[in-house]
Amino acid sequence: MNIKKLYKDPNITGEFFLKPFKQSTRLLGHEFKNFTDRTNHQSSIILKCIRIGVYFLYVAMSTLLLPAGMGIKFVAKLIPSSHQNPQPSERRDPTSQNRTTSSPIRPTVAPQISSSRQNPRPSEHREPTSQNRTTSSPIRPIVASQNQENISIAKVHPYPGDLSQDEVKEITASFEGNDRLKIAFKNFPSFSVTIRNKDIFESQAKVIVNAANTHLGGGAGIDDAIHRKGGGSYKKAHRRLKDKYQGNYTPGFAELITSGEISGRYGIDSVIVVAGPQGPLTNQKKESQLYSCYFNSLVLAHSQKKTSIAFPSISTGIFNFPKDRAAAISLRALQDFISKHPDSQLKTISIHFLRGQHELKTYRIQLDPVSS
């Protein structure tokens, strides 16, 4: 048996059965090609006719509408408008009763004081009054609650100026070791104020201040540390705060919330959330915001009968606010609070750094530039 011949046998390999199918397929393919050629030819004729029609329509419209439009414009210039040059009797005073009430919303920041930084005399300095508060903010200034949460001071105070020379003479600063600067107010010896190179969680304070972002979405530095140590309960309270202000927290506002898991580990009962100003350049608005962060936090802790509070150095970290200006502003806020609330239970106040002695010396220079 010849295997090769057997293999080429069309009856064995199936070619005998496939040949009619292949012939039918070629015939159909030829007919289909002829059909598509005719269809393509007809389609090209139709498209060509459409293009020619659109072109003639465009030419016709251009020929008719362009002169008509120019004529209308020429006639319109000849007709005086009734809205132009109104008579004096038709003009209305914008302060009249006809003025609409949908005026733009004023910003929530209080009016700024003059740009000069003159140090006020002790007798001239007064605590900011309610007249400085803007009325456009829907947030209540101070809200009390039984569980001591969601208590806020929604107010920005104009910065009253640096301490005067007479006020500085009533304050002394002395180093206690390498990590602590003690500040004593001669007229108020019961208050203990320190500037420390120490972790804020080791401050043993009842309240600590969180320098957060204005969007309240979490950040780096102290904000990140408090979120991590506070756990789920603190994150939930912080998220409620974000929802309340719709992610647009005003710098200078202060709101007290729970400390979460920080309470059991460090004995810190509550956290006051503030948002400080940002940027290396300072102005009256930013200084008022930073002053309000400190002053509002102190007043808020005082209103809740807290005995101690610990601050980070607000805005002087990644926000890059000038350290010398921050020192002067925080000292003014401390002086104002203590002088206005001499009988407060809030006797222990501290501001914390984690970067050597430079920040301590910055405060010392503000109070005693000669000896520093």
Protein backbone atom coordinates (compact mmCIF):
# COMPACT_ATOMS: atom_id res chain seq x y z
CA MET A 1 0.00 0.00 0.00
CA ASN A 2 1.38 3.39 -1.00
CA ILE A 3 0.72 5.68 1.98
CA LYS A 4 1.48 8.89 0.09
CA LYS A 5 -1.01 8.12 -2.66
CA LEU A 6 -3.57 7.13 -0.11
CA TYR A 7 -3.04 10.40 1.72
CA LYS A 8 -3.52 12.42 -1.47
CA ASP A 9 -6.73 10.59 -2.33
CA PRO A 10 -9.46 13.31 -2.27
CA ASN A 11 -12.03 10.83 -1.04
CA ILE A 12 -9.90 10.13 2.02
CA THR A 13 -8.76 13.69 2.82
CA GLY A 14 -12.20 15.22 2.28
CA GLU A 15 -11.34 17.37 -0.69
CA PHE A 16 -13.98 15.59 -2.68
CA PHE A 17 -16.68 16.88 -0.28
CA LEU A 18 -15.21 20.36 0.21
CA LYS A 19 -14.78 21.22 -3.45
CA PRO A 20 -18.47 22.06 -4.13
CA PHE A 21 -18.55 24.21 -0.96
CA LYS A 22 -15.47 26.13 -2.01
CA GLN A 23 -16.87 26.74 -5.46
CA SER A 24 -20.16 28.04 -3.98
CA THR A 25 -18.27 30.32 -1.62
CA ARG A 26 -16.20 31.84 -4.41
CA LEU A 27 -19.34 32.44 -6.44
CA LEU A 28 -21.11 34.13 -3.55
CA GLY A 29 -18.03 36.20 -2.75
CA HIS A 30 -17.83 37.40 -6.33
CA GLU A 31 -21.52 38.36 -6.33
CA PHE A 32 -21.11 40.14 -2.94
CA LYS A 33 -18.15 42.09 -4.21
CA ASN A 34 -20.13 43.22 -7.23
CA PHE A 35 -23.00 44.26 -4.96
CA THR A 36 -20.78 46.26 -2.59
CA ASP A 37 -19.04 47.96 -5.50
CA ARG A 38 -22.38 49.09 -6.89
CA THR A 39 -23.56 50.22 -3.42
CA ASN A 40 -20.38 52.19 -2.77
CA HIS A 41 -20.68 53.87 -6.12
CA GLN A 42 -24.27 54.88 -5.41
CA SER A 43 -23.36 56.11 -1.90
CA SER A 44 -20.57 58.27 -3.23
CA ILE A 45 -22.98 59.88 -5.70
CA ILE A 46 -25.50 60.61 -2.91
CA LEU A 47 -22.83 62.15 -0.62
CA LYS A 48 -21.54 64.27 -3.44
CA CYS A 49 -25.03 65.61 -4.09
CA ILE A 50 -25.50 66.41 -0.38
CA ARG A 51 -22.20 68.33 -0.27
CA ILE A 52 -23.14 70.34 -3.32
CA GLY A 53 -26.56 71.18 -1.79
CA VAL A 54 -25.06 72.29 1.52
CA TYR A 55 -22.55 74.48 -0.30
CA PHE A 56 -25.27 76.21 -2.33
CA LEU A 57 -27.38 76.68 0.85
CA TYR A 58 -24.41 78.29 2.63
CA VAL A 59 -23.78 80.63 -0.30
CA ALA A 60 -27.45 81.60 -0.44
CA MET A 61 -27.72 82.31 3.29
CA SER A 62 -24.49 84.32 3.27
CA THR A 63 -25.69 86.36 0.34
CA LEU A 64 -29.02 87.18 2.01
CA LEU A 65 -28.31 87.36 5.75
CA LEU A 66 -25.07 89.35 5.73
CA PRO A 67 -26.52 92.46 4.05
CA ALA A 68 -29.67 92.15 6.18
CA GLY A 69 -27.64 92.03 9.39
CA MET A 70 -25.56 95.03 8.38
CA GLY A 71 -28.68 96.97 7.60
CA ILE A 72 -30.28 96.16 10.98
CA LYS A 73 -27.09 97.23 12.78
CA PHE A 74 -27.01 100.51 10.85
CA VAL A 75 -30.66 101.26 11.66
CA ALA A 76 -30.15 100.37 15.35
CA LYS A 77 -27.42 103.00 15.65
CA LEU A 78 -29.79 105.66 14.38
CA ILE A 79 -32.46 104.87 17.00
CA PRO A 80 -31.60 106.35 20.46
CA SER A 81 -31.74 103.82 23.31
CA SER A 82 -34.10 104.53 26.18
CA HIS A 83 -31.52 103.11 28.66
CA GLN A 84 -28.80 105.59 27.77
CA ASN A 85 -28.28 108.91 29.55
CA PRO A 86 -31.16 108.71 32.03
CA GLN A 87 -32.58 111.94 33.34
CA PRO A 88 -31.50 113.08 36.80
CA SER A 89 -34.95 112.33 38.13
CA GLU A 90 -34.66 108.73 36.97
CA ARG A 91 -31.43 108.02 38.85
CA ARG A 92 -31.86 106.29 42.17
CA ASP A 93 -29.80 106.52 45.30
CA PRO A 94 -28.29 103.11 46.02
CA THR A 95 -29.04 103.66 49.70
CA SER A 96 -32.77 104.05 49.09
CA GLN A 97 -35.40 101.48 49.95
CA ASN A 98 -35.39 100.25 46.37
CA ARG A 99 -31.95 98.69 46.78
CA THR A 100 -32.00 94.89 46.62
CA THR A 101 -31.15 92.95 49.74
CA SER A 102 -29.13 90.28 47.96
CA SER A 103 -25.80 91.93 48.72
CA PRO A 104 -22.68 89.77 48.73
CA ILE A 105 -22.02 87.94 51.97
CA ARG A 106 -19.39 89.62 54.07
CA PRO A 107 -16.38 87.54 55.12
CA THR A 108 -16.46 86.00 58.58
CA VAL A 109 -13.27 87.80 59.61
CA ALA A 110 -13.74 90.85 61.80
CA PRO A 111 -12.72 94.30 60.50
CA GLN A 112 -9.00 94.90 60.65
CA ILE A 113 -7.44 97.60 62.74
CA SER A 114 -4.98 100.14 61.39
CA SER A 115 -1.77 98.87 59.90
CA SER A 116 0.46 100.61 62.45
CA ARG A 117 1.81 98.40 65.20
CA GLN A 118 1.86 100.89 68.03
CA ASN A 119 2.08 99.25 71.42
CA PRO A 120 -0.97 100.29 73.44
CA ARG A 121 -0.61 101.48 77.02
CA PRO A 122 -2.01 99.13 79.67
CA SER A 123 -4.89 101.47 80.33
CA GLU A 124 -5.76 101.60 76.64
CA HIS A 125 -5.99 97.89 76.03
CA ARG A 126 -9.43 96.39 76.20
CA GLU A 127 -10.77 92.96 75.50
CA PRO A 128 -12.41 92.79 72.08
CA THR A 129 -16.12 93.48 72.38
CA SER A 130 -19.07 92.02 70.54
CA GLN A 131 -19.11 95.05 68.23
CA ASN A 132 -16.16 93.57 66.38
CA ARG A 133 -17.99 90.36 65.63
CA THR A 134 -19.33 89.93 62.13
CA THR A 135 -23.03 89.19 61.90
CA SER A 136 -22.83 87.17 58.68
CA SER A 137 -21.61 83.97 60.35
CA PRO A 138 -24.42 81.48 61.05
CA ILE A 139 -22.29 79.72 63.67
CA ARG A 140 -23.17 80.47 67.27
CA PRO A 141 -20.35 82.23 69.17
CA ILE A 142 -20.41 80.07 72.31
CA VAL A 143 -22.45 76.89 72.62
CA ALA A 144 -22.74 75.02 75.90
CA SER A 145 -23.54 71.32 76.19
CA GLN A 146 -23.69 68.79 78.98
CA ASN A 147 -21.19 66.39 77.46
CA GLN A 148 -18.69 69.22 76.88
CA GLU A 149 -18.39 68.54 73.16
CA ASN A 150 -18.94 70.74 70.14
CA ILE A 151 -18.45 73.92 72.17
CA SER A 152 -17.15 76.70 69.99
CA ILE A 153 -16.07 80.32 69.87
CA ALA A 154 -16.72 81.48 66.31
CA LYS A 155 -15.13 84.90 66.46
CA VAL A 156 -11.97 86.58 65.18
CA HIS A 157 -10.58 89.40 67.33
CA PRO A 158 -8.56 92.24 65.82
CA TYR A 159 -4.99 92.00 67.05
CA PRO A 160 -4.57 94.80 69.64
CA GLY A 161 -0.80 95.15 69.17
CA ASP A 162 2.35 93.90 70.88
CA LEU A 163 3.00 94.29 74.58
CA SER A 164 3.99 97.78 75.62
CA GLN A 165 7.22 98.47 77.46
CA ASP A 166 5.31 98.94 80.72
CA GLU A 167 3.60 95.57 80.28
CA VAL A 168 6.89 93.84 79.48
CA LYS A 169 8.35 95.14 82.75
CA GLU A 170 5.65 93.24 84.64
CA ILE A 171 6.71 89.91 83.05
CA THR A 172 9.88 87.95 83.78
CA ALA A 173 11.40 85.06 81.85
CA SER A 174 13.96 82.59 83.19
CA PHE A 175 15.35 79.28 81.96
CA GLU A 176 14.75 76.13 84.00
CA GLY A 177 17.21 73.67 82.51
CA ASN A 178 17.70 73.29 78.78
CA ASP A 179 14.11 72.53 77.84
CA ARG A 180 11.94 75.01 79.74
CA LEU A 181 11.44 78.77 79.82
CA LYS A 182 9.34 79.95 82.73
CA ILE A 183 7.28 83.13 82.27
CA ALA A 184 5.96 84.84 85.40
CA PHE A 185 3.40 87.65 85.55
CA LYS A 186 4.22 89.77 88.59
CA ASN A 187 0.65 90.97 89.03
CA PHE A 188 -0.74 87.44 88.69
CA PRO A 189 1.64 85.08 90.52
CA SER A 190 -0.89 82.21 90.69
CA PHE A 191 -0.58 81.51 86.95
CA SER A 192 2.12 79.16 85.70
CA VAL A 193 3.17 79.75 82.08
CA THR A 194 6.01 77.83 80.43
CA ILE A 195 7.53 77.47 76.98
CA ARG A 196 8.83 73.90 76.61
CA ASN A 197 10.89 71.70 74.33
CA LYS A 198 8.72 68.71 75.17
CA ASP A 199 6.13 66.41 73.62
CA ILE A 200 2.71 67.98 74.07
CA PHE A 201 1.21 64.60 75.01
CA GLU A 202 3.51 64.52 78.04
CA SER A 203 2.31 67.94 79.22
CA GLN A 204 -0.15 66.46 81.78
CA ALA A 205 -2.65 69.12 80.68
CA LYS A 206 -6.39 68.54 80.68
CA VAL A 207 -6.80 70.19 77.28
CA ILE A 208 -4.45 70.30 74.31
CA VAL A 209 -4.83 72.41 71.18
CA ASN A 210 -4.76 70.90 67.70
CA ALA A 211 -3.42 73.20 64.98
CA ALA A 212 -5.39 71.78 62.05
CA ASN A 213 -5.93 72.79 58.42
CA THR A 214 -8.83 74.97 57.37
CA HIS A 215 -10.34 72.08 55.37
CA LEU A 216 -10.28 69.86 58.52
CA GLY A 217 -9.36 66.89 56.37
CA GLY A 218 -6.31 65.88 58.40
CA GLY A 219 -2.72 66.90 57.90
CA ALA A 220 0.83 66.45 59.14
CA GLY A 221 2.52 67.47 62.39
CA ILE A 222 0.41 67.74 65.53
CA ASP A 223 -2.82 67.18 63.60
CA ASP A 224 -1.61 63.81 62.34
CA ALA A 225 -0.30 62.81 65.78
CA ILE A 226 -3.61 63.60 67.50
CA HIS A 227 -5.55 61.67 64.86
CA ARG A 228 -3.35 58.61 65.32
CA LYS A 229 -3.37 58.67 69.10
CA GLY A 230 -7.04 59.67 69.41
CA GLY A 231 -8.28 56.63 67.52
CA GLY A 232 -11.70 56.14 65.98
CA SER A 233 -13.68 58.19 68.50
CA TYR A 234 -11.55 61.28 67.96
CA LYS A 235 -11.63 60.87 64.18
CA LYS A 236 -15.41 60.63 64.32
CA ALA A 237 -15.67 63.85 66.38
CA HIS A 238 -13.24 65.61 64.05
CA ARG A 239 -15.27 64.45 61.05
CA ARG A 240 -18.45 65.88 62.59
CA LEU A 241 -16.61 69.17 62.99
CA LYS A 242 -15.64 69.07 59.32
CA ASP A 243 -19.25 68.43 58.30
CA LYS A 244 -20.47 71.27 60.51
CA TYR A 245 -18.20 73.82 58.81
CA GLN A 246 -18.47 72.11 55.40
CA GLY A 247 -14.68 71.77 55.19
CA ASN A 248 -14.11 75.53 55.46
CA TYR A 249 -12.93 76.26 59.00
CA THR A 250 -12.15 79.93 59.66
CA PRO A 251 -8.63 80.62 61.00
CA GLY A 252 -9.00 81.93 64.55
CA PHE A 253 -12.11 79.94 65.47
CA ALA A 254 -11.83 77.46 68.35
CA GLU A 255 -13.97 74.40 69.01
CA LEU A 256 -13.69 71.83 71.78
CA ILE A 257 -14.22 68.13 71.01
CA THR A 258 -13.45 64.82 72.70
CA SER A 259 -9.86 63.58 72.91
CA GLY A 260 -10.85 59.98 72.20
CA GLU A 261 -8.31 57.36 73.26
CA ILE A 262 -5.84 60.08 74.32
CA SER A 263 -7.81 60.49 77.55
CA GLY A 264 -7.10 57.02 78.89
CA ARG A 265 -3.45 57.02 77.85
CA TYR A 266 -2.34 60.56 78.72
CA GLY A 267 -5.11 61.96 80.94
CA ILE A 268 -6.05 64.62 78.36
CA ASP A 269 -9.81 65.16 78.53
CA SER A 270 -10.46 67.31 75.46
CA VAL A 271 -8.96 68.77 72.30
CA ILE A 272 -9.53 72.32 71.08
CA VAL A 273 -9.31 72.53 67.30
CA VAL A 274 -8.00 75.73 65.71
CA ALA A 275 -6.66 76.64 62.27
CA GLY A 276 -3.83 79.14 62.18
CA PRO A 277 -2.70 81.45 59.38
CA GLN A 278 -0.29 80.21 56.72
CA GLY A 279 2.74 81.66 54.97
CA PRO A 280 6.03 83.38 55.83
CA LEU A 281 4.62 86.88 55.26
CA THR A 282 2.49 88.45 57.97
CA ASN A 283 -0.16 91.16 57.95
CA GLN A 284 -2.93 92.49 60.20
CA LYS A 285 -5.40 89.82 59.11
CA LYS A 286 -3.05 86.92 59.81
CA GLU A 287 -1.96 88.36 63.14
CA SER A 288 -5.59 88.74 64.20
CA GLN A 289 -6.23 85.12 63.25
CA LEU A 290 -3.25 83.83 65.24
CA TYR A 291 -4.11 86.00 68.23
CA SER A 292 -7.67 84.63 68.13
CA CYS A 293 -6.39 81.03 68.07
CA TYR A 294 -4.66 81.54 71.40
CA PHE A 295 -7.17 83.88 73.05
CA ASN A 296 -10.27 81.90 72.00
CA SER A 297 -8.72 78.62 73.13
CA LEU A 298 -7.93 80.06 76.56
CA VAL A 299 -11.41 81.50 76.97
CA LEU A 300 -12.99 78.24 75.79
CA ALA A 301 -10.98 76.13 78.26
CA HIS A 302 -11.80 78.64 81.01
CA SER A 303 -15.54 78.41 80.24
CA GLN A 304 -15.37 74.63 80.72
CA LYS A 305 -13.60 74.91 84.11
CA LYS A 306 -10.39 73.34 82.81
CA THR A 307 -7.32 73.73 85.01
CA SER A 308 -4.54 73.31 82.42
CA ILE A 309 -3.99 73.71 78.70
CA ALA A 310 -1.10 72.95 76.34
CA PHE A 311 -0.53 74.60 72.96
CA PRO A 312 1.66 73.63 70.05
CA SER A 313 3.47 76.54 68.45
CA ILE A 314 0.57 77.36 66.16
CA SER A 315 1.46 78.02 62.49
CA THR A 316 5.27 78.17 63.02
CA GLY A 317 5.89 74.63 61.70
CA ILE A 318 4.92 73.62 58.18
CA PHE A 319 2.71 76.74 57.93
CA ASN A 320 5.96 78.77 58.19
CA PHE A 321 4.54 81.76 60.12
CA PRO A 322 7.41 83.99 61.42
CA LYS A 323 8.48 82.72 64.85
CA ASP A 324 9.27 86.14 66.30
CA ARG A 325 5.84 87.49 65.40
CA ALA A 326 4.15 84.33 66.69
CA ALA A 327 5.96 84.71 70.03
CA ALA A 328 4.88 88.33 70.43
CA ILE A 329 1.27 87.54 69.46
CA SER A 330 0.94 84.56 71.81
CA LEU A 331 2.40 86.59 74.70
CA ARG A 332 -0.17 89.30 74.05
CA ALA A 333 -2.97 86.70 74.08
CA LEU A 334 -1.70 85.24 77.38
CA GLN A 335 -1.46 88.69 78.95
CA ASP A 336 -4.96 89.64 77.80
CA PHE A 337 -6.55 86.43 79.05
CA ILE A 338 -4.85 86.50 82.47
CA SER A 339 -5.64 90.17 83.04
CA LYS A 340 -9.29 89.68 82.08
CA HIS A 341 -9.77 86.40 83.97
CA PRO A 342 -7.52 86.64 87.05
CA ASP A 343 -9.76 84.25 89.02
CA SER A 344 -9.82 81.56 86.32
CA GLN A 345 -9.23 77.93 87.28
CA LEU A 346 -7.02 77.67 84.18
CA LYS A 347 -3.75 78.24 86.03
CA THR A 348 -1.30 76.06 84.06
CA ILE A 349 -0.54 77.11 80.50
CA SER A 350 2.25 75.78 78.28
CA ILE A 351 3.42 76.15 74.67
CA HIS A 352 5.38 73.22 73.24
CA PHE A 353 8.20 72.85 70.71
CA LEU A 354 10.33 69.91 69.66
CA ARG A 355 13.25 71.75 68.03
CA GLY A 356 16.07 72.76 70.38
CA GLN A 357 16.38 76.06 72.24
CA HIS A 358 15.91 78.50 69.37
CA GLU A 359 12.18 78.89 70.03
CA LEU A 360 12.77 79.37 73.75
CA LYS A 361 15.25 82.17 73.06
CA THR A 362 12.76 83.76 70.67
CA TYR A 363 10.34 84.18 73.57
CA ARG A 364 13.11 85.36 75.89
CA ILE A 365 14.12 88.07 73.38
CA GLN A 366 10.53 89.34 73.25
CA LEU A 367 10.60 89.94 77.01
CA ASP A 368 14.25 90.83 77.66
CA PRO A 369 16.15 91.68 74.44
CA VAL A 370 19.18 93.06 76.30
CA SER A 371 20.03 90.04 78.46
CA SER A 372 19.26 87.61 75.61
